[in-house]
C-alpha atoms as a PDB file:
ATOM      1  CA  MET A   1     -67.710 -30.824 -14.787  1.00  0.00           C
ATOM      2  CA  ASN A   2     -64.241 -31.953 -15.855  1.00  0.00           C
ATOM      3  CA  ILE A   3     -62.675 -28.964 -17.590  1.00  0.00           C
ATOM      4  CA  LYS A   4     -59.412 -30.880 -18.032  1.00  0.00           C
ATOM      5  CA  LYS A   5     -61.151 -32.930 -20.719  1.00  0.00           C
ATOM      6  CA  LEU A   6     -61.646 -29.775 -22.757  1.00  0.00           C
ATOM      7  CA  ALA A   7     -57.966 -28.900 -22.485  1.00  0.00           C
ATOM      8  CA  GLU A   8     -57.017 -32.415 -23.542  1.00  0.00           C
ATOM      9  CA  SER A   9     -59.136 -31.975 -26.671  1.00  0.00           C
ATOM     10  CA  GLY A  10     -57.221 -28.814 -27.583  1.00  0.00           C
ATOM     11  CA  LEU A  11     -59.701 -26.348 -26.086  1.00  0.00           C
ATOM     12  CA  ASN A  12     -57.129 -25.021 -23.654  1.00  0.00           C
ATOM     13  CA  ILE A  13     -58.722 -21.635 -22.898  1.00  0.00           C
ATOM     14  CA  PHE A  14     -61.701 -21.509 -20.555  1.00  0.00           C
ATOM     15  CA  ALA A  15     -63.613 -19.082 -18.360  1.00  0.00           C
ATOM     16  CA  ALA A  16     -67.005 -19.218 -16.643  1.00  0.00           C
ATOM     17  CA  ILE A  17     -69.285 -16.726 -14.931  1.00  0.00           C
ATOM     18  CA  GLU A  18     -72.788 -16.680 -13.478  1.00  0.00           C
ATOM     19  CA  ILE A  19     -74.736 -15.212 -16.355  1.00  0.00           C
ATOM     20  CA  GLU A  20     -76.456 -12.536 -14.303  1.00  0.00           C
ATOM     21  CA  LYS A  21     -73.040 -11.102 -13.425  1.00  0.00           C
ATOM     22  CA  LEU A  22     -72.412 -10.199 -17.052  1.00  0.00           C
ATOM     23  CA  PRO A  23     -72.618  -6.491 -17.939  1.00  0.00           C
ATOM     24  CA  ILE A  24     -76.092  -5.329 -18.851  1.00  0.00           C
ATOM     25  CA  LYS A  25     -74.943  -4.370 -22.365  1.00  0.00           C
ATOM     26  CA  ILE A  26     -74.042  -8.005 -23.054  1.00  0.00           C
ATOM     27  CA  LEU A  27     -77.276  -9.289 -21.564  1.00  0.00           C
ATOM     28  CA  ASP A  28     -79.180  -6.778 -23.707  1.00  0.00           C
ATOM     29  CA  ILE A  29     -77.640  -8.384 -26.793  1.00  0.00           C
ATOM     30  CA  PHE A  30     -78.754 -11.816 -25.554  1.00  0.00           C
ATOM     31  CA  ASN A  31     -82.254 -10.566 -24.821  1.00  0.00           C
ATOM     32  CA  ALA A  32     -82.571  -8.888 -28.222  1.00  0.00           C
ATOM     33  CA  GLN A  33     -81.888 -12.267 -29.839  1.00  0.00           C
ATOM     34  CA  ASN A  34     -84.296 -14.064 -27.523  1.00  0.00           C
ATOM     35  CA  ILE A  35     -81.556 -16.187 -25.965  1.00  0.00           C
ATOM     36  CA  LYS A  36     -83.239 -17.856 -23.007  1.00  0.00           C
ATOM     37  CA  TYR A  37     -81.406 -18.169 -19.705  1.00  0.00           C
ATOM     38  CA  THR A  38     -82.216 -18.483 -16.020  1.00  0.00           C
ATOM     39  CA  SER A  39     -80.605 -17.259 -12.823  1.00  0.00           C
ATOM     40  CA  ASP A  40     -79.115 -20.740 -12.384  1.00  0.00           C
ATOM     41  CA  ASP A  41     -77.213 -20.611 -15.670  1.00  0.00           C
ATOM     42  CA  ILE A  42     -73.462 -20.271 -15.868  1.00  0.00           C
ATOM     43  CA  LEU A  43     -71.998 -18.938 -19.078  1.00  0.00           C
ATOM     44  CA  CYS A  44     -68.835 -20.661 -20.264  1.00  0.00           C
ATOM     45  CA  ILE A  45     -66.532 -19.514 -23.035  1.00  0.00           C
ATOM     46  CA  VAL A  46     -63.896 -21.803 -24.521  1.00  0.00           C
ATOM     47  CA  GLY A  47     -61.069 -21.186 -26.932  1.00  0.00           C
ATOM     48  CA  SER A  48     -57.918 -22.695 -28.335  1.00  0.00           C
ATOM     49  CA  GLY A  49     -54.417 -21.287 -28.180  1.00  0.00           C
ATOM     50  CA  GLY A  50     -51.337 -22.301 -30.131  1.00  0.00           C
ATOM     51  CA  GLN A  51     -51.059 -25.376 -32.344  1.00  0.00           C
ATOM     52  CA  ASN A  52     -52.458 -28.058 -30.040  1.00  0.00           C
ATOM     53  CA  PHE A  53     -56.087 -27.735 -31.181  1.00  0.00           C
ATOM     54  CA  TRP A  54     -55.124 -28.060 -34.841  1.00  0.00           C
ATOM     55  CA  GLU A  55     -53.191 -31.245 -34.111  1.00  0.00           C
ATOM     56  CA  LYS A  56     -56.254 -32.834 -32.463  1.00  0.00           C
ATOM     57  CA  LEU A  57     -58.364 -32.600 -35.639  1.00  0.00           C
ATOM     58  CA  ASN A  58     -58.693 -35.277 -38.298  1.00  0.00           C
ATOM     59  CA  HIS A  59     -56.927 -34.066 -41.433  1.00  0.00           C
ATOM     60  CA  PRO A  60     -57.385 -33.128 -44.212  1.00  0.00           C
ATOM     61  CA  LEU A  61     -60.225 -30.731 -43.443  1.00  0.00           C
ATOM     62  CA  ASP A  62     -63.008 -29.601 -45.755  1.00  0.00           C
ATOM     63  CA  GLU A  63     -63.883 -26.032 -44.736  1.00  0.00           C
ATOM     64  CA  THR A  64     -67.290 -26.246 -46.438  1.00  0.00           C
ATOM     65  CA  LYS A  65     -68.380 -28.806 -43.822  1.00  0.00           C
ATOM     66  CA  HIS A  66     -67.354 -26.661 -40.827  1.00  0.00           C
ATOM     67  CA  PRO A  67     -65.245 -29.408 -39.188  1.00  0.00           C
ATOM     68  CA  ILE A  68     -63.845 -27.127 -36.464  1.00  0.00           C
ATOM     69  CA  ASP A  69     -67.306 -26.060 -35.315  1.00  0.00           C
ATOM     70  CA  LYS A  70     -68.458 -29.678 -35.406  1.00  0.00           C
ATOM     71  CA  TYR A  71     -65.486 -30.858 -33.353  1.00  0.00           C
ATOM     72  CA  THR A  72     -65.978 -28.080 -30.787  1.00  0.00           C
ATOM     73  CA  PHE A  73     -69.674 -28.916 -30.489  1.00  0.00           C
ATOM     74  CA  GLU A  74     -68.841 -32.586 -29.856  1.00  0.00           C
ATOM     75  CA  GLN A  75     -66.295 -31.774 -27.132  1.00  0.00           C
ATOM     76  CA  ILE A  76     -68.660 -29.427 -25.311  1.00  0.00           C
ATOM     77  CA  LYS A  77     -71.495 -31.960 -25.422  1.00  0.00           C
ATOM     78  CA  LYS A  78     -69.179 -34.613 -23.954  1.00  0.00           C
ATOM     79  CA  LEU A  79     -68.659 -32.237 -21.047  1.00  0.00           C
ATOM     80  CA  ASP A  80     -72.375 -31.549 -20.544  1.00  0.00           C
ATOM     81  CA  PRO A  81     -74.889 -33.244 -22.887  1.00  0.00           C
ATOM     82  CA  ASN A  82     -77.667 -30.962 -21.621  1.00  0.00           C
ATOM     83  CA  CYS A  83     -75.910 -27.641 -22.012  1.00  0.00           C
ATOM     84  CA  LYS A  84     -77.158 -24.958 -24.392  1.00  0.00           C
ATOM     85  CA  ILE A  85     -74.562 -24.036 -26.998  1.00  0.00           C
ATOM     86  CA  ILE A  86     -75.000 -20.492 -28.283  1.00  0.00           C
ATOM     87  CA  PHE A  87     -71.739 -20.358 -30.238  1.00  0.00           C
ATOM     88  CA  PRO A  88     -70.939 -21.741 -32.770  1.00  0.00           C
ATOM     89  CA  ASN A  89     -74.407 -20.928 -34.064  1.00  0.00           C
ATOM     90  CA  GLN A  90     -75.267 -19.733 -37.567  1.00  0.00           C
ATOM     91  CA  THR A  91     -78.254 -17.666 -36.428  1.00  0.00           C
ATOM     92  CA  LEU A  92     -76.934 -15.922 -33.291  1.00  0.00           C
ATOM     93  CA  ASN A  93     -74.514 -13.013 -33.013  1.00  0.00           C
ATOM     94  CA  ILE A  94     -72.602 -13.549 -29.774  1.00  0.00           C
ATOM     95  CA  PRO A  95     -70.369 -10.627 -28.610  1.00  0.00           C
ATOM     96  CA  LEU A  96     -67.307 -12.820 -28.177  1.00  0.00           C
ATOM     97  CA  GLN A  97     -64.761 -10.046 -27.731  1.00  0.00           C
ATOM     98  CA  ARG A  98     -66.881  -8.214 -25.148  1.00  0.00           C
ATOM     99  CA  ILE A  99     -67.343 -11.386 -23.097  1.00  0.00           C
ATOM    100  CA  SER A 100     -63.689 -12.341 -23.409  1.00  0.00           C
ATOM    101  CA  ARG A 101     -62.429  -8.918 -22.390  1.00  0.00           C
ATOM    102  CA  PHE A 102     -64.798  -8.771 -19.423  1.00  0.00           C
ATOM    103  CA  LEU A 103     -63.481 -12.145 -18.240  1.00  0.00           C
ATOM    104  CA  ASN A 104     -59.856 -11.032 -18.805  1.00  0.00           C
ATOM    105  CA  ILE A 105     -59.230 -13.666 -21.465  1.00  0.00           C
ATOM    106  CA  SER A 106     -58.126 -11.145 -24.056  1.00  0.00           C
ATOM    107  CA  ARG A 107     -57.435  -7.512 -24.794  1.00  0.00           C
ATOM    108  CA  PRO A 108     -57.886  -5.423 -27.961  1.00  0.00           C
ATOM    109  CA  THR A 109     -55.027  -4.701 -30.380  1.00  0.00           C
ATOM    110  CA  ILE A 110     -54.415  -2.275 -33.220  1.00  0.00           C
ATOM    111  CA  LEU A 111     -54.687  -5.218 -35.635  1.00  0.00           C
ATOM    112  CA  GLY A 112     -58.421  -5.481 -35.072  1.00  0.00           C
ATOM    113  CA  ILE A 113     -58.158  -8.880 -33.370  1.00  0.00           C
ATOM    114  CA  ASP A 114     -57.777  -9.626 -29.688  1.00  0.00           C
ATOM    115  CA  ILE A 115     -54.627 -10.790 -27.941  1.00  0.00           C
ATOM    116  CA  HIS A 116     -54.222 -13.421 -25.210  1.00  0.00           C
ATOM    117  CA  LYS A 117     -51.744 -13.112 -22.348  1.00  0.00           C
ATOM    118  CA  GLU A 118     -50.226 -16.572 -22.908  1.00  0.00           C
ATOM    119  CA  PHE A 119     -50.844 -17.236 -26.604  1.00  0.00           C
ATOM    120  CA  GLY A 120     -50.584 -13.740 -28.031  1.00  0.00           C
ATOM    121  CA  LEU A 121     -52.409 -13.301 -31.342  1.00  0.00           C
ATOM    122  CA  TRP A 122     -52.458 -17.065 -31.847  1.00  0.00           C
ATOM    123  CA  PHE A 123     -55.738 -18.034 -30.272  1.00  0.00           C
ATOM    124  CA  SER A 124     -59.388 -18.265 -31.299  1.00  0.00           C
ATOM    125  CA  PHE A 125     -62.794 -18.305 -29.654  1.00  0.00           C
ATOM    126  CA  ARG A 126     -64.368 -21.720 -30.255  1.00  0.00           C
ATOM    127  CA  GLY A 127     -67.499 -22.059 -28.156  1.00  0.00           C
ATOM    128  CA  VAL A 128     -69.910 -20.411 -25.735  1.00  0.00           C
ATOM    129  CA  PHE A 129     -72.477 -22.404 -23.786  1.00  0.00           C
ATOM    130  CA  LEU A 130     -74.878 -22.189 -20.866  1.00  0.00           C
ATOM    131  CA  THR A 131     -74.912 -24.856 -18.178  1.00  0.00           C
ATOM    132  CA  THR A 132     -76.541 -25.448 -14.805  1.00  0.00           C
ATOM    133  CA  LYS A 133     -73.927 -27.998 -13.778  1.00  0.00           C
ATOM    134  CA  LYS A 134     -71.736 -27.204 -10.826  1.00  0.00           C
ATOM    135  CA  ILE A 135     -68.598 -25.523 -12.034  1.00  0.00           C
ATOM    136  CA  SER A 136     -66.123 -23.178 -10.454  1.00  0.00           C
ATOM    137  CA  THR A 137     -66.485 -19.729 -11.944  1.00  0.00           C
ATOM    138  CA  ASN A 138     -63.091 -18.228 -12.499  1.00  0.00           C
ATOM    139  CA  GLU A 139     -61.687 -14.757 -12.882  1.00  0.00           C
ATOM    140  CA  ASN A 140     -58.512 -14.410 -14.909  1.00  0.00           C
ATOM    141  CA  GLU A 141     -56.012 -11.814 -13.782  1.00  0.00           C
ATOM    142  CA  GLU A 142     -56.310  -8.433 -15.445  1.00  0.00           C
ATOM    143  CA  PHE A 143     -53.620  -7.525 -17.946  1.00  0.00           C
ATOM    144  CA  ASN A 144     -52.941  -4.680 -20.345  1.00  0.00           C
ATOM    145  CA  SER A 145     -52.730  -5.080 -24.100  1.00  0.00           C
ATOM    146  CA  PRO A 146     -49.060  -5.525 -25.084  1.00  0.00           C
ATOM    147  CA  CYS A 147     -49.705  -2.985 -27.855  1.00  0.00           C
ATOM    148  CA  GLU A 148     -49.584  -0.285 -25.193  1.00  0.00           C
ATOM    149  CA  THR A 149     -45.911  -0.935 -24.388  1.00  0.00           C
ATOM    150  CA  CYS A 150     -44.710  -2.189 -27.781  1.00  0.00           C
ATOM    151  CA  LYS A 151     -41.922   0.128 -28.954  1.00  0.00           C
ATOM    152  CA  THR A 152     -41.421  -1.061 -32.543  1.00  0.00           C
ATOM    153  CA  LYS A 153     -45.013  -1.538 -33.757  1.00  0.00           C
ATOM    154  CA  ASP A 154     -43.700  -3.841 -36.513  1.00  0.00           C
ATOM    155  CA  CYS A 155     -47.260  -4.722 -37.490  1.00  0.00           C
ATOM    156  CA  ILE A 156     -47.852  -1.151 -38.742  1.00  0.00           C
ATOM    157  CA  SER A 157     -44.792  -0.962 -40.979  1.00  0.00           C
ATOM    158  CA  THR A 158     -45.266  -4.536 -42.231  1.00  0.00           C
ATOM    159  CA  CYS A 159     -48.924  -4.252 -43.272  1.00  0.00           C
ATOM    160  CA  PRO A 160     -48.922  -3.751 -47.084  1.00  0.00           C
ATOM    161  CA  ALA A 161     -52.548  -2.541 -47.024  1.00  0.00           C
ATOM    162  CA  ASN A 162     -51.868   0.336 -44.593  1.00  0.00           C
ATOM    163  CA  ALA A 163     -54.809  -0.969 -42.562  1.00  0.00           C
ATOM    164  CA  ILE A 164     -53.138  -0.452 -39.160  1.00  0.00           C
ATOM    165  CA  SER A 165     -52.214   2.678 -37.275  1.00  0.00           C
ATOM    166  CA  ASN A 166     -51.863   3.931 -33.722  1.00  0.00           C
ATOM    167  CA  SER A 167     -54.465   6.642 -34.090  1.00  0.00           C
ATOM    168  CA  THR A 168     -57.374   5.001 -35.949  1.00  0.00           C
ATOM    169  CA  LEU A 169     -59.352   1.791 -35.841  1.00  0.00           C
ATOM    170  CA  PHE A 170     -58.222  -1.158 -37.925  1.00  0.00           C
ATOM    171  CA  LYS A 171     -59.383  -0.649 -41.517  1.00  0.00           C
ATOM    172  CA  ILE A 172     -60.915  -4.023 -42.385  1.00  0.00           C
ATOM    173  CA  ASP A 173     -61.966  -2.816 -45.842  1.00  0.00           C
ATOM    174  CA  LEU A 174     -58.371  -2.029 -46.843  1.00  0.00           C
ATOM    175  CA  CYS A 175     -57.243  -5.368 -45.409  1.00  0.00           C
ATOM    176  CA  MET A 176     -59.801  -7.400 -47.360  1.00  0.00           C
ATOM    177  CA  ASP A 177     -59.259  -5.452 -50.584  1.00  0.00           C
ATOM    178  CA  HIS A 178     -55.536  -6.160 -50.469  1.00  0.00           C
ATOM    179  CA  GLN A 179     -56.001  -9.810 -49.569  1.00  0.00           C
ATOM    180  CA  ASN A 180     -58.313 -10.294 -52.557  1.00  0.00           C
ATOM    181  CA  LEU A 181     -55.837  -8.882 -55.088  1.00  0.00           C
ATOM    182  CA  ASN A 182     -54.325 -11.264 -57.602  1.00  0.00           C
ATOM    183  CA  ASN A 183     -51.025 -12.602 -56.216  1.00  0.00           C
ATOM    184  CA  SER A 184     -51.578 -10.690 -52.988  1.00  0.00           C
ATOM    185  CA  SER A 185     -48.703 -10.771 -50.503  1.00  0.00           C
ATOM    186  CA  CYS A 186     -51.333 -11.569 -47.855  1.00  0.00           C
ATOM    187  CA  GLU A 187     -53.149 -14.247 -49.843  1.00  0.00           C
ATOM    188  CA  ASN A 188     -52.090 -17.105 -47.565  1.00  0.00           C
ATOM    189  CA  HIS A 189     -51.231 -15.285 -44.322  1.00  0.00           C
ATOM    190  CA  CYS A 190     -51.361 -11.939 -42.547  1.00  0.00           C
ATOM    191  CA  LEU A 191     -47.936 -10.325 -42.678  1.00  0.00           C
ATOM    192  CA  ALA A 192     -48.770  -7.895 -39.880  1.00  0.00           C
ATOM    193  CA  ARG A 193     -49.871 -10.685 -37.575  1.00  0.00           C
ATOM    194  CA  LEU A 194     -46.702 -12.644 -38.301  1.00  0.00           C
ATOM    195  CA  ALA A 195     -44.633  -9.544 -37.509  1.00  0.00           C
ATOM    196  CA  CYS A 196     -45.958  -9.278 -33.946  1.00  0.00           C
ATOM    197  CA  PRO A 197     -43.191 -10.485 -31.596  1.00  0.00           C
ATOM    198  CA  TYR A 198     -45.446 -11.058 -28.575  1.00  0.00           C
ATOM    199  CA  GLN A 199     -45.629 -14.792 -27.710  1.00  0.00           C
ATOM    200  CA  ASN A 200     -44.810 -15.646 -31.324  1.00  0.00           C
ATOM    201  CA  ILE A 201     -43.656 -19.112 -30.279  1.00  0.00           C
ATOM    202  CA  HIS A 202     -47.329 -20.042 -30.535  1.00  0.00           C
ATOM    203  CA  GLN A 203     -47.705 -19.043 -34.190  1.00  0.00           C
ATOM    204  CA  TYR A 204     -50.002 -21.278 -36.206  1.00  0.00           C
ATOM    205  CA  LYS A 205     -48.556 -23.658 -38.751  1.00  0.00           C
ATOM    206  CA  PRO A 206     -48.808 -22.376 -42.358  1.00  0.00           C
ATOM    207  CA  GLU A 207     -51.473 -24.940 -43.240  1.00  0.00           C
ATOM    208  CA  GLN A 208     -53.547 -23.897 -40.231  1.00  0.00           C
ATOM    209  CA  THR A 209     -53.367 -20.226 -41.189  1.00  0.00           C
ATOM    210  CA  LEU A 210     -54.282 -21.035 -44.793  1.00  0.00           C
ATOM    211  CA  TYR A 211     -57.298 -23.052 -43.677  1.00  0.00           C
ATOM    212  CA  HIS A 212     -58.656 -20.174 -41.593  1.00  0.00           C
ATOM    213  CA  ILE A 213     -58.150 -17.717 -44.463  1.00  0.00           C
ATOM    214  CA  LYS A 214     -60.081 -20.018 -46.803  1.00  0.00           C
ATOM    215  CA  SER A 215     -62.851 -20.345 -44.236  1.00  0.00           C
ATOM    216  CA  ARG A 216     -63.080 -16.578 -43.793  1.00  0.00           C
ATOM    217  CA  LYS A 217     -63.274 -16.056 -47.560  1.00  0.00           C
ATOM    218  CA  LEU A 218     -66.048 -18.646 -47.680  1.00  0.00           C
ATOM    219  CA  ILE A 219     -68.046 -16.524 -45.205  1.00  0.00           C
ATOM    220  CA  TYR A 220     -67.356 -13.150 -46.794  1.00  0.00           C
ATOM    221  CA  HIS A 221     -68.040 -14.293 -50.350  1.00  0.00           C
ATOM    222  CA  LYS A 222     -71.329 -16.109 -49.867  1.00  0.00           C
END
């Protein structure tokens, strides 16, 4: 399986593991949703970091047609036409953060989203699939969340919704309420996310950020 092809398509984050080596709590979630797998299956998770993925897409994009999911699906199927894609999937709830953290792709942050060692906050999970093709399973090096050593915590002071703190979980309800205000300061971007200095050279372009915000609103306001 030629993983380089995925990277060339903009899916430049990848990890794989024999499925039976996943923690039982993750497998329980799979089993509860009747996701079928065998002892020969390898679970692969792919993501995109930085701006490269966005530049590979055909613009302009219509978020109502889910072009990013469609593109990801096509790239994975080029890699293995017989694989079983379980994310993106409208009917399955895949524990992306749990899988990613277990495979040392990401770590939690006080902003409620995960952070990547190379790309910082500027990455996304794009696909998860099962394959029986020969592929080298890989273990990324462990790393600690940069939040633990950040001295300024600019994200806390910058967040106009007061949704972030050191002592409590991210308050998604306050975040969404503020974003949905008329003329909200976070209407087209997340000020707290932009304030994070870690690997900020990989920040998304404004049009990319706006697209993702529109897509998220489309989901939350169905």
